[in-house]
Protein backbone atom coordinates (compact mmCIF):
# COMPACT_ATOMS: atom_id res chain seq x y z
CA MET A 1 1.90 -37.08 9.58
CA GLN A 2 3.85 -35.19 11.82
CA GLN A 3 2.63 -31.46 12.83
CA PRO A 4 5.19 -28.51 12.04
CA ALA A 5 6.73 -27.79 14.84
CA THR A 6 6.14 -23.90 16.06
CA PRO A 7 9.14 -21.53 15.03
CA GLN A 8 11.51 -20.35 17.89
CA PRO A 9 11.09 -16.59 18.60
CA LEU A 10 13.09 -14.26 17.07
CA ASP A 11 15.10 -12.01 18.99
CA LEU A 12 15.22 -8.34 18.77
CA ALA A 13 18.10 -7.66 16.51
CA ARG A 14 17.19 -10.47 14.65
CA GLU A 15 13.66 -9.54 13.76
CA ARG A 16 14.83 -5.70 13.40
CA SER A 17 16.90 -7.08 10.64
CA LEU A 18 14.11 -8.76 9.23
CA LEU A 19 11.41 -6.06 9.51
CA VAL A 20 14.03 -3.30 7.96
CA THR A 21 14.39 -5.79 4.74
CA LEU A 22 10.69 -6.01 4.19
CA ALA A 23 10.22 -2.26 4.80
CA GLY A 24 13.09 -1.67 2.00
CA ILE A 25 11.06 -3.96 -0.73
CA GLN A 26 7.87 -1.80 0.62
CA PHE A 27 9.66 0.72 -0.13
CA ALA A 28 10.16 0.23 -3.22
CA HIS A 29 6.60 -1.06 -4.90
CA ILE A 30 5.23 2.02 -2.78
CA LEU A 31 7.42 4.42 -4.55
CA ASP A 32 6.58 3.19 -7.36
CA PHE A 33 2.75 3.17 -7.32
CA MET A 34 3.27 6.75 -5.27
CA VAL A 35 5.49 8.51 -8.00
CA MET A 36 2.52 8.80 -10.36
CA MET A 37 0.93 11.02 -8.46
CA PRO A 38 3.09 13.85 -8.10
CA LEU A 39 4.11 13.04 -11.84
CA GLY A 40 0.35 13.73 -12.69
CA PRO A 41 1.20 17.78 -14.16
CA ILE A 42 4.19 16.67 -15.71
CA LEU A 43 2.72 13.75 -17.51
CA MET A 44 -0.53 15.47 -18.50
CA GLN A 45 1.66 17.98 -20.14
CA GLU A 46 4.44 15.81 -22.02
CA LEU A 47 1.60 13.14 -22.97
CA ALA A 48 -0.96 15.94 -23.95
CA VAL A 49 -3.70 13.82 -21.79
CA GLY A 50 -6.23 14.94 -19.89
CA THR A 51 -7.29 14.14 -15.54
CA HIS A 52 -9.24 10.82 -16.80
CA GLU A 53 -6.84 9.32 -19.06
CA PHE A 54 -4.11 10.32 -16.03
CA GLY A 55 -6.76 8.26 -13.78
CA LEU A 56 -6.36 5.42 -16.07
CA LEU A 57 -2.48 5.21 -15.71
CA VAL A 58 -3.52 5.47 -11.85
CA SER A 59 -6.70 2.66 -11.99
CA ALA A 60 -4.64 0.37 -14.72
CA TYR A 61 -1.94 -0.54 -12.11
CA THR A 62 -4.51 -1.33 -9.27
CA PHE A 63 -6.73 -2.89 -11.30
CA THR A 64 -3.88 -5.84 -12.91
CA ALA A 65 -3.07 -5.90 -9.27
CA ALA A 66 -6.20 -6.46 -7.73
CA PHE A 67 -6.55 -9.43 -10.07
CA THR A 68 -3.59 -10.73 -9.82
CA GLY A 69 -3.99 -10.83 -6.10
CA VAL A 70 -6.76 -12.58 -6.99
CA LEU A 71 -5.10 -15.28 -8.71
CA ALA A 72 -2.00 -15.17 -6.31
CA ALA A 73 -5.06 -15.99 -3.50
CA VAL A 74 -5.29 -19.56 -5.32
CA PHE A 75 -1.41 -20.42 -5.58
CA VAL A 76 0.16 -18.05 -2.67
CA ASP A 77 0.43 -20.72 0.28
CA ARG A 78 1.85 -23.63 -2.27
CA PHE A 79 4.71 -22.30 -2.13
CA GLU A 80 8.06 -20.48 -0.28
CA ARG A 81 7.40 -17.70 1.17
CA LYS A 82 10.55 -16.14 0.39
CA ARG A 83 10.95 -17.36 -3.29
CA MET A 84 7.77 -16.36 -4.04
CA LEU A 85 8.17 -12.83 -2.68
CA LEU A 86 11.40 -12.43 -4.51
CA THR A 87 10.02 -13.72 -8.33
CA MET A 88 7.38 -11.44 -7.90
CA PHE A 89 10.20 -8.72 -6.93
CA ALA A 90 12.54 -9.23 -9.83
CA LEU A 91 9.70 -8.87 -12.33
CA PHE A 92 8.30 -6.29 -10.56
CA ALA A 93 11.19 -4.54 -11.33
CA LEU A 94 11.50 -5.52 -14.74
CA ALA A 95 8.47 -3.58 -15.30
CA THR A 96 8.73 -0.53 -13.74
CA LEU A 97 11.76 -0.45 -15.86
CA ALA A 98 9.61 -0.61 -18.81
CA CYS A 99 7.90 2.02 -17.16
CA GLY A 100 10.76 4.31 -18.00
CA LEU A 101 11.53 2.91 -21.40
CA ALA A 102 7.84 3.26 -22.87
CA PRO A 103 7.56 5.58 -26.09
CA SER A 104 3.45 6.64 -25.68
CA TYR A 105 0.77 6.84 -23.73
CA GLY A 106 -0.32 3.75 -24.54
CA THR A 107 2.51 1.67 -23.83
CA LEU A 108 3.27 3.67 -20.62
CA LEU A 109 -0.49 2.79 -19.81
CA LEU A 110 0.39 -1.19 -20.79
CA ALA A 111 3.67 -0.85 -18.64
CA ARG A 112 1.98 0.20 -15.43
CA GLY A 113 -0.29 -2.54 -16.03
CA THR A 114 2.56 -5.19 -15.78
CA ALA A 115 3.89 -3.37 -12.85
CA GLY A 116 0.62 -3.54 -10.85
CA ALA A 117 0.29 -7.02 -12.07
CA PHE A 118 3.66 -7.61 -9.95
CA GLY A 119 4.06 -4.97 -7.90
CA GLY A 120 0.27 -5.25 -6.47
CA VAL A 121 1.48 -9.00 -4.97
CA LEU A 122 4.28 -7.45 -3.08
CA GLY A 123 2.48 -5.55 -0.23
CA SER A 124 0.64 -9.06 0.60
CA MET A 125 3.32 -11.41 0.54
CA VAL A 126 5.38 -8.51 2.84
CA GLN A 127 2.30 -8.85 5.93
CA THR A 128 2.09 -12.63 5.23
CA MET A 129 6.04 -12.37 6.49
CA VAL A 130 5.44 -10.38 9.40
CA GLY A 131 2.25 -12.48 10.40
CA ASP A 132 4.45 -15.45 10.11
CA LEU A 133 7.38 -13.81 11.95
CA ILE A 134 5.75 -11.52 14.49
CA PRO A 135 3.88 -12.18 17.74
CA PHE A 136 0.62 -10.61 17.83
CA GLU A 137 1.81 -8.47 20.87
CA ARG A 138 4.42 -6.75 18.84
CA ARG A 139 2.50 -6.52 15.09
CA GLY A 140 1.75 -3.35 15.85
CA ARG A 141 4.97 -2.02 16.46
CA ALA A 142 6.07 -4.69 13.19
CA SER A 143 3.53 -2.81 10.88
CA GLY A 144 4.78 0.66 11.51
CA THR A 145 7.87 -0.17 10.65
CA ILE A 146 6.62 -1.36 7.28
CA MET A 147 4.95 1.38 6.71
CA SER A 148 7.55 3.41 7.69
CA ALA A 149 8.66 2.82 4.32
CA PHE A 150 5.90 4.78 2.84
CA SER A 151 7.33 7.35 5.29
CA LEU A 152 11.09 7.51 3.65
CA SER A 153 9.29 6.71 0.14
CA THR A 154 7.86 10.48 1.11
CA VAL A 155 10.74 11.60 2.76
CA ALA A 156 13.68 10.99 -0.06
CA GLY A 157 12.42 8.76 -3.05
CA VAL A 158 9.60 11.31 -4.35
CA PRO A 159 11.62 14.25 -3.84
CA LEU A 160 14.38 12.53 -5.58
CA SER A 161 12.04 11.56 -8.25
CA LEU A 162 10.80 14.55 -8.78
CA TYR A 163 13.98 15.84 -8.93
CA LEU A 164 15.33 13.70 -11.64
CA ALA A 165 11.61 13.99 -13.45
CA ASN A 166 11.80 18.13 -13.42
CA HIS A 167 15.45 18.02 -14.12
CA PHE A 168 15.88 15.05 -16.56
CA GLY A 169 12.45 14.05 -17.61
CA TRP A 170 9.50 11.75 -16.58
CA ARG A 171 11.22 8.29 -17.25
CA PHE A 172 13.97 8.64 -15.07
CA PRO A 173 12.16 8.35 -11.64
CA PHE A 174 11.07 4.41 -13.27
CA ILE A 175 14.57 3.76 -14.12
CA PHE A 176 16.05 4.71 -10.56
CA ILE A 177 13.23 2.71 -8.82
CA ALA A 178 14.28 -0.49 -11.18
CA VAL A 179 17.64 -0.38 -10.12
CA LEU A 180 17.00 0.64 -6.67
CA SER A 181 14.43 -2.64 -6.82
CA CYS A 182 17.80 -4.64 -7.99
CA ALA A 183 20.05 -3.61 -4.80
CA PHE A 184 16.91 -4.45 -2.41
CA LEU A 185 16.65 -8.01 -3.99
CA LEU A 186 19.86 -9.10 -3.12
CA LEU A 187 19.58 -7.60 0.15
CA GLY A 188 16.60 -9.95 0.44
CA TRP A 189 17.99 -12.62 -1.12
CA LYS A 190 21.09 -13.11 1.54
CA MET A 191 19.05 -11.68 4.96
CA LEU A 192 15.14 -13.03 4.26
CA PRO A 193 14.43 -16.25 6.19
CA ALA A 194 12.41 -19.59 4.14
CA LEU A 195 9.19 -20.16 5.50
CA ARG A 196 7.74 -23.55 4.50
CA GLY A 197 5.52 -24.41 7.83
CA HIS A 198 2.38 -22.89 6.08
CA LEU A 199 2.46 -25.43 3.12
CA PRO A 200 -0.15 -28.27 3.12
CA THR A 201 0.42 -30.67 6.40
CA ALA A 202 -1.96 -33.26 7.94
CA THR A 203 -3.66 -30.27 9.50
CA VAL A 204 -5.05 -29.72 5.46
CA SER A 205 -7.44 -32.09 4.35
CA GLU A 206 -6.95 -33.77 1.48
CA THR A 207 -9.72 -32.04 -0.46
CA GLU A 208 -8.06 -28.60 0.56
CA ARG A 209 -4.56 -29.78 -0.51
CA ALA A 210 -5.70 -31.48 -3.97
CA HIS A 211 -8.16 -28.07 -5.22
CA PRO A 212 -6.67 -25.34 -5.95
CA LEU A 213 -9.39 -22.96 -5.56
CA ALA A 214 -9.92 -24.82 -1.64
CA ALA A 215 -7.59 -22.36 0.17
CA MET A 216 -9.57 -19.22 -1.07
CA ALA A 217 -12.97 -20.81 -1.04
CA ALA A 218 -11.75 -21.76 2.97
CA VAL A 219 -11.28 -18.00 3.25
CA LEU A 220 -14.54 -16.85 2.14
CA ARG A 221 -16.65 -19.42 4.13
CA ASP A 222 -15.12 -17.49 7.05
CA ALA A 223 -17.69 -14.11 8.06
CA ASN A 224 -14.76 -12.50 10.26
CA HIS A 225 -12.19 -12.54 7.42
CA LEU A 226 -15.26 -11.14 4.88
CA ARG A 227 -16.09 -8.50 7.60
CA ALA A 228 -12.12 -7.48 7.29
CA LEU A 229 -11.86 -7.30 3.91
CA VAL A 230 -14.66 -4.93 3.52
CA PHE A 231 -12.99 -2.73 6.37
CA MET A 232 -9.96 -2.50 4.00
CA ALA A 233 -11.60 -1.87 0.96
CA LEU A 234 -13.55 1.17 2.77
CA ILE A 235 -10.13 2.27 4.18
CA MET A 236 -8.66 2.70 0.31
CA PHE A 237 -11.86 3.80 -0.94
CA SER A 238 -11.81 6.77 1.45
CA GLY A 239 -8.10 7.63 0.49
CA PHE A 240 -7.76 7.04 -3.03
CA THR A 241 -10.61 9.26 -4.04
CA VAL A 242 -8.65 12.22 -2.96
CA ILE A 243 -4.62 10.78 -3.06
CA PRO A 244 -4.11 10.88 -6.34
CA TYR A 245 -5.10 14.40 -7.63
CA ILE A 246 -3.82 16.43 -4.78
CA THR A 247 -0.79 17.16 -6.62
CA ILE A 248 -2.73 18.18 -9.82
CA TYR A 249 -5.37 20.51 -6.91
CA VAL A 250 -2.91 22.07 -5.59
CA THR A 251 -0.88 23.36 -8.58
CA ALA A 252 -3.85 24.77 -10.46
CA ASN A 253 -5.99 25.92 -7.50
CA VAL A 254 -3.70 26.41 -4.41
CA GLY A 255 -1.29 27.86 -6.61
CA ILE A 256 1.61 25.89 -5.67
CA ARG A 257 4.59 25.62 -8.06
CA GLN A 258 5.24 22.40 -9.60
CA GLU A 259 8.79 22.82 -8.36
CA ASP A 260 7.49 23.17 -4.75
CA ILE A 261 5.60 19.95 -4.70
CA PRO A 262 8.98 18.05 -3.49
CA LEU A 263 8.77 20.00 -0.16
CA ILE A 264 5.47 19.07 0.77
CA TYR A 265 6.15 15.25 0.31
CA LEU A 266 9.62 15.69 2.18
CA PHE A 267 8.02 17.49 5.13
CA GLY A 268 5.01 15.03 5.07
CA GLY A 269 7.28 11.91 5.03
CA CYS A 270 9.33 13.30 7.82
CA ALA A 271 6.83 13.22 9.94
CA THR A 272 4.93 10.02 9.09
CA PHE A 273 8.44 8.52 9.44
CA PHE A 274 8.12 9.11 13.25
CA THR A 275 4.75 9.40 13.54
CA SER A 276 3.78 5.56 11.92
CA ARG A 277 6.02 4.04 14.47
CA LEU A 278 4.70 5.47 17.42
CA VAL A 279 1.42 4.92 16.26
CA GLY A 280 2.05 1.18 16.28
CA ARG A 281 3.40 1.49 19.63
CA LEU A 282 -0.03 3.11 21.05
CA ALA A 283 -1.62 -0.11 19.00
CA ASP A 284 0.02 -2.93 20.88
CA ALA A 285 -0.56 -0.51 24.16
CA HIS A 286 -4.03 0.65 24.10
CA GLY A 287 -5.50 -1.40 21.24
CA LYS A 288 -5.75 -1.84 17.83
CA ILE A 289 -9.09 -1.16 17.38
CA ARG A 290 -9.33 1.78 19.20
CA VAL A 291 -5.98 3.47 18.32
CA TYR A 292 -7.44 2.59 14.58
CA ARG A 293 -10.98 4.84 14.98
CA TRP A 294 -8.74 7.86 16.88
CA MET A 295 -6.75 8.12 13.82
CA ALA A 296 -9.74 7.78 11.56
CA LEU A 297 -11.63 10.51 13.27
CA CYS A 298 -8.65 12.87 13.08
CA SER A 299 -8.13 11.72 9.58
CA MET A 300 -11.46 13.33 8.44
CA VAL A 301 -10.50 17.23 9.15
CA PRO A 302 -7.39 16.56 6.84
CA LEU A 303 -9.45 14.93 4.18
CA LEU A 304 -12.05 17.73 3.98
CA VAL A 305 -9.27 20.78 4.39
CA GLN A 306 -7.42 19.05 1.64
CA THR A 307 -10.24 18.75 -0.88
CA HIS A 308 -11.40 22.89 -0.17
CA LEU A 309 -8.09 24.54 0.24
CA MET A 310 -8.14 28.14 -1.75
CA PRO A 311 -4.90 30.17 -2.51
CA VAL A 312 -2.36 29.68 0.08
CA PRO A 313 0.77 30.18 0.90
CA LEU A 314 3.58 27.47 0.78
CA TRP A 315 4.03 27.47 4.47
CA LEU A 316 1.05 26.62 5.15
CA MET A 317 -0.12 23.72 1.96
CA ILE A 318 3.00 22.44 3.55
CA VAL A 319 1.55 22.17 7.60
CA CYS A 320 -2.01 20.95 6.08
CA SER A 321 -0.29 18.11 3.39
CA THR A 322 1.60 17.26 6.60
CA VAL A 323 -1.48 16.69 8.87
CA PHE A 324 -2.78 14.60 5.96
CA PHE A 325 -0.02 12.35 5.79
CA ILE A 326 0.38 11.74 9.48
CA PHE A 327 -3.31 10.52 9.56
CA VAL A 328 -4.86 9.58 6.43
CA PRO A 329 -2.47 7.21 5.19
CA GLY A 330 -1.21 6.42 8.94
CA ARG A 331 -4.97 4.91 9.52
CA MET A 332 -3.05 1.87 7.54
CA VAL A 333 -1.05 1.14 11.23
CA PRO A 334 -3.44 -0.10 13.12
CA ALA A 335 -5.53 -1.26 10.47
CA MET A 336 -2.99 -3.67 8.96
CA ALA A 337 -2.23 -4.82 12.13
CA ILE A 338 -6.16 -5.58 12.50
CA VAL A 339 -5.98 -7.31 9.49
CA THR A 340 -3.46 -9.70 9.78
CA SER A 341 -4.49 -10.55 12.50
CA ALA A 342 -8.06 -11.45 11.98
CA VAL A 343 -7.44 -14.59 9.53
CA GLN A 344 -6.91 -18.31 10.90
CA PRO A 345 -3.13 -18.50 10.81
CA ARG A 346 -2.64 -21.32 8.66
CA LEU A 347 -4.88 -19.18 5.53
CA ARG A 348 -2.67 -16.27 6.31
CA GLY A 349 -1.02 -16.24 2.89
CA THR A 350 -4.08 -16.52 0.80
CA PHE A 351 -5.99 -14.30 2.70
CA LEU A 352 -3.61 -11.79 2.96
CA SER A 353 -3.30 -11.83 -1.53
CA MET A 354 -6.76 -11.46 -1.37
CA ASN A 355 -6.72 -8.29 0.52
CA GLY A 356 -4.32 -7.04 -1.15
CA ALA A 357 -6.29 -7.46 -4.52
CA VAL A 358 -9.34 -6.17 -2.42
CA GLN A 359 -6.60 -2.80 -1.28
CA GLN A 360 -6.02 -2.68 -5.15
CA LEU A 361 -9.40 -2.70 -6.67
CA ALA A 362 -10.86 -0.47 -3.91
CA SER A 363 -7.93 1.91 -4.67
CA GLY A 364 -8.32 1.49 -8.56
CA ALA A 365 -12.24 2.41 -8.38
CA ALA A 366 -11.68 5.12 -6.09
CA SER A 367 -9.29 6.55 -8.54
CA TRP A 368 -11.27 6.11 -11.49
CA LEU A 369 -14.23 7.74 -9.48
CA GLY A 370 -12.28 10.56 -8.11
CA GLY A 371 -11.57 11.57 -11.61
CA ALA A 372 -14.50 11.11 -12.72
CA MET A 373 -16.08 13.16 -10.30
CA ILE A 374 -13.10 15.51 -10.91
CA ALA A 375 -12.72 18.32 -13.98
CA VAL A 376 -11.05 20.99 -15.35
CA ASP A 377 -12.73 24.59 -15.63
CA ALA A 378 -11.91 26.85 -18.76
CA SER A 379 -9.83 28.80 -16.45
CA GLY A 380 -7.69 25.67 -15.67
CA HIS A 381 -8.74 25.36 -11.76
CA ILE A 382 -9.66 21.52 -10.89
CA VAL A 383 -13.75 21.20 -9.63
CA GLY A 384 -15.49 18.72 -7.98
CA TYR A 385 -12.29 18.12 -5.77
CA ASP A 386 -15.03 19.34 -2.64
CA ARG A 387 -17.59 16.76 -3.30
CA VAL A 388 -14.69 14.27 -3.57
CA GLY A 389 -13.77 14.64 -0.15
CA TYR A 390 -17.15 14.37 1.24
CA LEU A 391 -17.26 10.73 -0.03
CA ALA A 392 -14.13 10.22 1.28
CA VAL A 393 -15.37 11.15 4.90
CA ALA A 394 -18.97 9.11 4.39
CA ALA A 395 -16.69 5.63 3.91
CA THR A 396 -14.33 6.47 6.50
CA LEU A 397 -16.96 6.99 8.98
CA ILE A 398 -18.68 3.71 7.70
CA ALA A 399 -15.19 1.69 8.81
CA MET A 400 -15.11 3.46 12.19
CA ILE A 401 -18.48 1.47 12.63
CA PHE A 402 -17.01 -1.44 11.04
CA VAL A 403 -14.15 -2.25 12.03
CA GLY A 404 -15.64 -3.02 16.08
CA GLN A 405 -17.32 -6.59 14.10
CA ILE A 406 -13.90 -7.77 13.13
CA ARG A 407 -12.55 -10.46 15.48
CA MET A 408 -8.63 -10.66 15.83
CA HIS A 409 -6.57 -13.78 16.38
CA THR A 410 -3.64 -13.72 18.74
CA GLY A 411 -1.28 -16.53 17.96
CA MET A 412 1.60 -16.90 15.14
CA ALA A 413 1.00 -19.27 12.03
CA SER A 414 2.91 -23.02 12.77
CA ALA A 415 5.39 -22.08 9.94
CA HIS A 416 9.41 -23.37 10.13
CA HIS A 417 11.88 -20.97 9.54
CA LYS A 418 15.45 -20.97 8.45
CA THR A 419 18.02 -18.10 8.61
């Protein structure tokens, strides 16, 4: 059978427009996940629930995302990339709207799980398209562009969502995200190319094409793939034991008003909007593993500071949280470039779906464990958060050692694309 032709490289202008479109999709589903965490104090009061129940709201999204990530790994490389991505995005928008319309804690928990089921696949699909379209030598910069969606969600999305929640109720942020997702859905339909070259060809055996689990088995047989998955699990675990409870901790223990929380996200997001792309360029220029290790080393300081803060002025809280935003989520820029490049190109969609499932499962387990390790004492203060910080640092140290075992492929997938 005829081999698929290697795609012609995109010109830089076209590459940038595609990355901006993918970053927009990433922005919507990251905002949907992130907005839950600063909404913690509001939801706990409005729904009359404790830290454990709030942790379940965060974990419900991640656990269902992990399940669908595994499920998607069975079939994701059997479908054209663009159609698959946009279908999942449309269903995600509907589920997010259901969150805004949920009448009770139980229905909100169900809606969050449904949103996770579709939203959890989106991150891996976006990274799959980056891996298919962007050459290795620019993949760090591309990951930085995609990660800027996180920055933009903290600069504009989270503060705006909190403004809506503070003035109109907790439902409005979810309705806002659903409407925004519809706009990005139309943009994606117009701008994204179809990608078909990963579909089964003569380069894949008849057995692998016939059996739905063959691609997943092929991923799991590769020890390098397994190392990359463990590495990503460690990163997510080290971050999400801490991140979901930052707002709850700073309002209860540090003395920051709920009305001032948007400022923390605004300054942190503004900083990472620039630093994420800088880190991406540094990773391409000086080595992805080396830059990851430096970022991870620096991240341990804000992880410990954030989990040990005593009452401080707002300006000092903003400084501490901004440093946290730069280094802790910033580790993901070189990390995703490493993981995306660790996979055999023909298995990229399956592998990144499994990677997405591992990310969500690790973050869900971390959120649950973080919630189990902390409690509210009789005076309304959070206790046990310092131990969460030590656990996060331990996972970071292990990841720094582990990353050196990962081998990276420098080639692109053989994938047709058309504008």
